[in-house]
Amino acid sequence: MPLAATDAAFEGFRLVRRAPKVLVAWTLVYLLITVAQMVAMVMNRAEIAEGLRTIEAFGNRGPQSVQDFQLMLEANAQMTRYSFWVMPLSIVVSSVLSAGVARGVLFPEQSRFGFLRLGMDEVRVFLVTLGIGLLTAIALGVAAIIVSIFITLSMAVTPLMWLGVLLSVLASVALFVWLMVKWSLAVPITVSEKKVDIFASFRATKGHFWPLLGMAIIAFAMAMVIWFLSSVLVAPLSLMSGLSPMGLGGTSSAVIEQMSLANPGLLLLALSQAIVYALFVGVMYAPFAAAWRDIKRG
């Protein structure tokens, strides 16, 4: 069967329509992360408030010197450091969800628990995802070094070198897009073939790059529409919890210091974010599983 990229882009909606209960299961799993983030935020509210006060002190003028930029960076680090300990849980949950979505498309008969498991499939997905992340970071790190060299040369040699800066930036973006497409089938292949092979997706995408890119653009556009519409609906819950709809950056330090886990708005916000992300994951991940199914059959 040839790859029908446009049709595959809507696989996430079809999966949820065929088995509506999967959305409940995915939401409950992702709720672990959102609740953990809320707990971490409340437990570290003093440090977050201190970072916010530093930023508030700049007012509308913004940083004016190197020292100001350093203070701004330190303040932002204070505001986000609380979430670092949640990252291991986030990686595990992401592996479980991505494997579950792929299983829902490739093995629809395994519908128990919303296609979610905690077994060797998830371990293999974790290892493949970790390997891809490291290799991508190395490739983009090299690209960043090249861009930095061009920026340095443009300042020291000739203004025409800015053309080199522009071309190197565009090349870095193109490299990122190429890598994401070439590795886009890694998770469904891992779930389907039951083995760890980081470069299997490279081989599978050969001859299908442009259809996969078009499918990814369509799926991403639909996911962004969902994200935008949900943000409008979630905004009242953010206000109810005391947080700004703009996140920590739009919330005063005084409000952060008074945050409490007893705040029902905070828990409702965590639940709503979990629902949105569960649907987002289905819309974004399922098309690639459908693409691999079609490529394999073909």
Protein backbone atom coordinates (compact mmCIF):
# COMPACT_ATOMS: atom_id res chain seq x y z
CA MET A 1 0.00 0.00 0.00
CA PRO A 2 1.52 3.38 -0.98
CA LEU A 3 1.95 6.04 1.67
CA ALA A 4 -1.18 8.24 1.77
CA ALA A 5 0.33 11.12 3.72
CA THR A 6 -2.75 13.34 3.79
CA ASP A 7 -4.94 10.48 4.99
CA ALA A 8 -2.39 9.42 7.62
CA ALA A 9 -2.28 12.97 9.03
CA PHE A 10 -5.80 12.46 10.46
CA GLU A 11 -5.07 9.09 12.08
CA GLY A 12 -5.03 10.60 15.58
CA PHE A 13 -8.65 11.73 15.29
CA ARG A 14 -9.67 8.33 13.90
CA LEU A 15 -7.94 6.54 16.77
CA VAL A 16 -9.77 8.60 19.39
CA ARG A 17 -13.08 8.16 17.53
CA ARG A 18 -12.64 4.36 17.35
CA ALA A 19 -11.75 4.06 21.02
CA PRO A 20 -12.83 7.19 22.96
CA LYS A 21 -11.69 5.66 26.25
CA VAL A 22 -8.06 6.00 25.20
CA LEU A 23 -8.29 9.73 25.82
CA VAL A 24 -9.24 9.03 29.44
CA ALA A 25 -6.33 6.62 29.91
CA TRP A 26 -3.83 8.99 28.29
CA THR A 27 -5.12 11.88 30.40
CA LEU A 28 -4.73 9.93 33.64
CA VAL A 29 -1.14 9.02 32.75
CA TYR A 30 -0.16 12.55 31.79
CA LEU A 31 -1.91 13.85 34.90
CA LEU A 32 1.05 12.42 36.84
CA ILE A 33 3.30 15.02 35.21
CA THR A 34 0.97 17.99 35.54
CA VAL A 35 0.25 17.27 39.21
CA ALA A 36 3.97 16.70 39.89
CA GLN A 37 4.76 20.04 38.26
CA MET A 38 2.12 21.82 40.34
CA VAL A 39 3.42 20.22 43.56
CA ALA A 40 6.99 21.18 42.66
CA MET A 41 5.87 24.74 41.91
CA VAL A 42 4.13 25.13 45.25
CA MET A 43 7.02 23.56 47.19
CA ASN A 44 9.50 25.93 45.51
CA ARG A 45 7.27 29.00 45.40
CA ALA A 46 9.69 31.11 47.48
CA GLU A 47 12.53 30.59 44.99
CA ILE A 48 10.21 31.21 42.02
CA ALA A 49 8.91 34.41 43.63
CA GLU A 50 12.47 35.62 44.19
CA GLY A 51 13.24 35.16 40.50
CA LEU A 52 10.06 36.98 39.56
CA ARG A 53 10.94 39.89 41.83
CA THR A 54 14.28 40.25 40.06
CA ILE A 55 12.53 40.42 36.69
CA GLU A 56 9.87 42.79 38.02
CA ALA A 57 12.64 45.13 39.18
CA PHE A 58 13.67 45.72 35.57
CA GLY A 59 10.19 47.02 34.78
CA ASN A 60 9.63 47.95 31.13
CA ARG A 61 13.22 49.05 30.47
CA GLY A 62 14.65 45.53 30.30
CA PRO A 63 18.32 44.61 30.80
CA GLN A 64 20.74 47.41 29.92
CA SER A 65 24.13 45.77 30.50
CA VAL A 66 25.93 42.45 30.57
CA GLN A 67 25.37 42.29 34.35
CA ASP A 68 21.66 42.87 33.79
CA PHE A 69 21.52 40.00 31.29
CA GLN A 70 23.27 37.73 33.77
CA LEU A 71 20.77 38.68 36.46
CA MET A 72 17.92 38.00 34.03
CA LEU A 73 19.31 34.58 33.16
CA GLU A 74 19.78 33.70 36.83
CA ALA A 75 16.24 34.84 37.59
CA ASN A 76 14.83 32.67 34.80
CA ALA A 77 16.85 29.73 36.12
CA GLN A 78 15.31 30.27 39.56
CA MET A 79 11.85 30.24 38.01
CA THR A 80 12.36 26.97 36.11
CA ARG A 81 14.76 24.99 38.32
CA TYR A 82 11.83 23.56 40.30
CA SER A 83 10.70 21.48 37.32
CA PHE A 84 14.02 19.69 36.71
CA TRP A 85 13.25 16.82 39.09
CA VAL A 86 10.04 16.15 37.14
CA MET A 87 12.02 15.50 33.95
CA PRO A 88 12.75 11.78 34.62
CA LEU A 89 9.03 11.18 35.21
CA SER A 90 8.25 13.17 32.06
CA ILE A 91 10.61 11.00 29.97
CA VAL A 92 9.03 7.80 31.30
CA VAL A 93 5.49 9.05 30.68
CA SER A 94 6.42 10.25 27.20
CA SER A 95 7.81 6.80 26.34
CA VAL A 96 4.66 5.12 27.64
CA LEU A 97 2.33 7.47 25.73
CA SER A 98 4.23 7.44 22.44
CA ALA A 99 4.46 3.64 22.52
CA GLY A 100 0.75 3.45 23.40
CA VAL A 101 -0.29 5.66 20.49
CA ALA A 102 1.81 3.60 18.08
CA ARG A 103 0.32 0.38 19.50
CA GLY A 104 -3.18 1.78 19.03
CA VAL A 105 -2.56 2.29 15.31
CA LEU A 106 -0.48 -0.82 14.60
CA PHE A 107 -2.22 -3.29 16.94
CA PRO A 108 -5.81 -2.05 17.39
CA GLU A 109 -6.80 -5.38 18.98
CA GLN A 110 -4.59 -4.60 22.02
CA SER A 111 -6.98 -1.97 23.32
CA ARG A 112 -6.81 -2.77 27.06
CA PHE A 113 -5.84 0.15 29.30
CA GLY A 114 -5.97 2.60 26.41
CA PHE A 115 -3.18 0.68 24.59
CA LEU A 116 -0.82 1.64 27.43
CA ARG A 117 1.70 -0.77 28.91
CA LEU A 118 4.82 -0.64 31.03
CA GLY A 119 7.06 -3.28 29.51
CA MET A 120 9.89 -3.93 27.09
CA ASP A 121 8.25 -1.94 24.28
CA GLU A 122 8.42 1.13 26.47
CA VAL A 123 12.02 0.39 27.48
CA ARG A 124 13.02 0.06 23.83
CA VAL A 125 11.18 3.27 22.93
CA PHE A 126 12.97 5.05 25.77
CA LEU A 127 16.39 3.83 24.58
CA VAL A 128 15.72 4.74 20.94
CA THR A 129 14.37 8.17 21.90
CA LEU A 130 17.35 8.81 24.16
CA GLY A 131 19.79 7.80 21.43
CA ILE A 132 18.07 9.99 18.85
CA GLY A 133 18.03 12.91 21.28
CA LEU A 134 21.76 12.62 21.94
CA LEU A 135 22.69 12.32 18.25
CA THR A 136 20.42 15.24 17.33
CA ALA A 137 21.95 17.36 20.10
CA ILE A 138 25.45 16.60 18.81
CA ALA A 139 24.51 17.45 15.20
CA LEU A 140 22.81 20.70 16.19
CA GLY A 141 25.69 21.53 18.53
CA VAL A 142 28.14 21.29 15.63
CA ALA A 143 25.81 23.45 13.53
CA ALA A 144 25.67 26.05 16.33
CA ILE A 145 29.48 26.15 16.46
CA ILE A 146 29.61 26.78 12.70
CA VAL A 147 27.07 29.59 13.02
CA SER A 148 29.10 31.11 15.86
CA ILE A 149 32.25 31.02 13.71
CA PHE A 150 30.48 32.87 10.90
CA ILE A 151 29.17 35.47 13.38
CA THR A 152 32.69 36.02 14.73
CA LEU A 153 34.13 36.34 11.22
CA SER A 154 31.40 38.78 10.19
CA MET A 155 32.39 41.09 13.06
CA ALA A 156 36.15 40.81 12.52
CA VAL A 157 36.53 40.50 8.75
CA THR A 158 33.81 41.94 6.56
CA PRO A 159 30.09 42.73 6.78
CA LEU A 160 29.55 40.47 3.75
CA MET A 161 30.17 37.54 6.04
CA TRP A 162 26.64 38.10 7.40
CA LEU A 163 25.53 36.30 4.27
CA GLY A 164 27.44 33.30 5.59
CA VAL A 165 25.65 33.71 8.92
CA LEU A 166 22.27 33.70 7.19
CA LEU A 167 23.12 30.67 5.07
CA SER A 168 24.51 28.74 8.04
CA VAL A 169 21.35 29.48 10.09
CA LEU A 170 19.13 28.31 7.22
CA ALA A 171 21.29 25.20 6.84
CA SER A 172 20.92 24.49 10.58
CA VAL A 173 17.13 24.77 10.34
CA ALA A 174 17.12 22.52 7.27
CA LEU A 175 19.31 19.98 9.12
CA PHE A 176 16.90 19.96 12.08
CA VAL A 177 13.87 19.42 9.83
CA TRP A 178 15.66 16.69 7.86
CA LEU A 179 16.66 14.83 11.02
CA MET A 180 13.15 15.07 12.50
CA VAL A 181 11.61 13.61 9.33
CA LYS A 182 14.26 10.90 8.96
CA TRP A 183 13.72 9.82 12.58
CA SER A 184 9.95 10.33 12.58
CA LEU A 185 9.18 6.60 12.23
CA ALA A 186 11.56 5.47 14.99
CA VAL A 187 8.90 4.90 17.68
CA PRO A 188 6.36 2.99 15.54
CA ILE A 189 9.15 0.86 14.05
CA THR A 190 10.43 0.06 17.55
CA VAL A 191 6.96 -0.97 18.73
CA SER A 192 6.29 -2.94 15.55
CA GLU A 193 9.62 -4.75 15.17
CA LYS A 194 10.36 -5.24 18.89
CA LYS A 195 14.02 -4.22 18.63
CA VAL A 196 16.28 -1.24 19.25
CA ASP A 197 17.53 0.16 15.93
CA ILE A 198 18.14 3.91 15.95
CA PHE A 199 18.75 4.08 12.20
CA ALA A 200 15.86 1.85 11.07
CA SER A 201 13.78 4.99 10.53
CA PHE A 202 16.45 6.39 8.20
CA ARG A 203 16.09 3.36 5.97
CA ALA A 204 12.29 3.27 6.15
CA THR A 205 11.87 6.94 5.18
CA LYS A 206 13.98 6.59 2.04
CA GLY A 207 11.88 7.79 -0.89
CA HIS A 208 9.14 9.12 1.42
CA PHE A 209 10.73 12.31 2.75
CA TRP A 210 8.43 14.87 1.13
CA PRO A 211 5.14 13.03 1.83
CA LEU A 212 6.22 12.61 5.47
CA LEU A 213 7.16 16.27 5.73
CA GLY A 214 3.80 17.32 4.30
CA MET A 215 2.01 14.96 6.70
CA ALA A 216 3.96 16.37 9.64
CA ILE A 217 3.05 19.94 8.66
CA ILE A 218 -0.66 19.06 8.45
CA ALA A 219 -0.60 17.21 11.79
CA PHE A 220 1.32 20.04 13.45
CA ALA A 221 -1.13 22.64 12.11
CA MET A 222 -4.09 20.67 13.50
CA ALA A 223 -2.33 20.23 16.84
CA MET A 224 -1.68 23.97 17.03
CA VAL A 225 -5.37 24.69 16.37
CA ILE A 226 -6.27 22.33 19.22
CA TRP A 227 -3.67 24.00 21.45
CA PHE A 228 -4.95 27.49 20.65
CA LEU A 229 -8.63 26.63 21.18
CA SER A 230 -7.84 24.82 24.43
CA SER A 231 -5.79 27.75 25.71
CA VAL A 232 -8.87 29.94 25.36
CA LEU A 233 -10.92 27.44 27.38
CA VAL A 234 -8.18 26.91 29.99
CA ALA A 235 -7.56 30.64 30.54
CA PRO A 236 -10.41 31.02 33.11
CA LEU A 237 -8.97 28.09 35.10
CA SER A 238 -5.56 29.78 35.09
CA LEU A 239 -7.12 32.94 36.49
CA MET A 240 -9.05 30.89 39.05
CA SER A 241 -5.83 29.26 40.22
CA GLY A 242 -4.13 32.64 40.56
CA LEU A 243 -1.76 32.08 37.64
CA SER A 244 -1.71 34.30 34.60
CA PRO A 245 -2.77 32.70 31.28
CA MET A 246 0.71 33.78 30.12
CA GLY A 247 2.32 31.47 32.70
CA LEU A 248 4.81 32.36 35.41
CA GLY A 249 6.07 35.37 33.48
CA GLY A 250 2.68 37.05 33.76
CA THR A 251 2.09 36.18 37.43
CA SER A 252 3.19 38.47 40.24
CA SER A 253 5.68 37.32 42.86
CA ALA A 254 3.12 38.03 45.60
CA VAL A 255 0.62 35.62 44.03
CA ILE A 256 3.26 32.90 43.66
CA GLU A 257 4.21 33.17 47.35
CA GLN A 258 0.58 32.59 48.34
CA MET A 259 0.05 29.49 46.16
CA SER A 260 -1.29 26.42 47.93
CA LEU A 261 -2.09 22.83 46.97
CA ALA A 262 -5.47 23.38 48.60
CA ASN A 263 -6.34 25.70 45.69
CA PRO A 264 -9.01 23.81 43.66
CA GLY A 265 -8.32 26.00 40.62
CA LEU A 266 -4.74 24.72 40.54
CA LEU A 267 -5.87 21.08 40.47
CA LEU A 268 -8.50 21.80 37.80
CA LEU A 269 -5.81 23.52 35.74
CA ALA A 270 -3.58 20.44 36.03
CA LEU A 271 -6.45 18.19 34.87
CA SER A 272 -7.34 20.43 31.91
CA GLN A 273 -3.71 20.59 30.80
CA ALA A 274 -3.49 16.80 30.99
CA ILE A 275 -6.57 16.43 28.75
CA VAL A 276 -5.19 18.88 26.20
CA TYR A 277 -1.79 17.21 26.09
CA ALA A 278 -3.33 13.74 25.76
CA LEU A 279 -5.24 14.84 22.66
CA PHE A 280 -2.17 16.70 21.39
CA VAL A 281 -0.07 13.53 21.67
CA GLY A 282 -2.63 11.49 19.75
CA VAL A 283 -2.90 14.01 16.93
CA MET A 284 0.88 14.40 16.62
CA TYR A 285 2.12 10.80 17.09
CA ALA A 286 -0.55 8.66 15.43
CA PRO A 287 0.08 9.89 11.85
CA PHE A 288 3.66 8.55 11.90
CA ALA A 289 2.49 5.15 13.11
CA ALA A 290 -0.06 5.12 10.27
CA ALA A 291 2.67 6.12 7.81
CA TRP A 292 4.88 3.24 8.96
CA ARG A 293 1.91 0.83 8.68
CA ASP A 294 1.33 1.90 5.06
CA ILE A 295 5.03 1.79 4.16
CA LYS A 296 5.42 -1.68 5.67
CA ARG A 297 2.39 -3.02 3.84
CA GLY A 298 3.62 -1.51 0.58
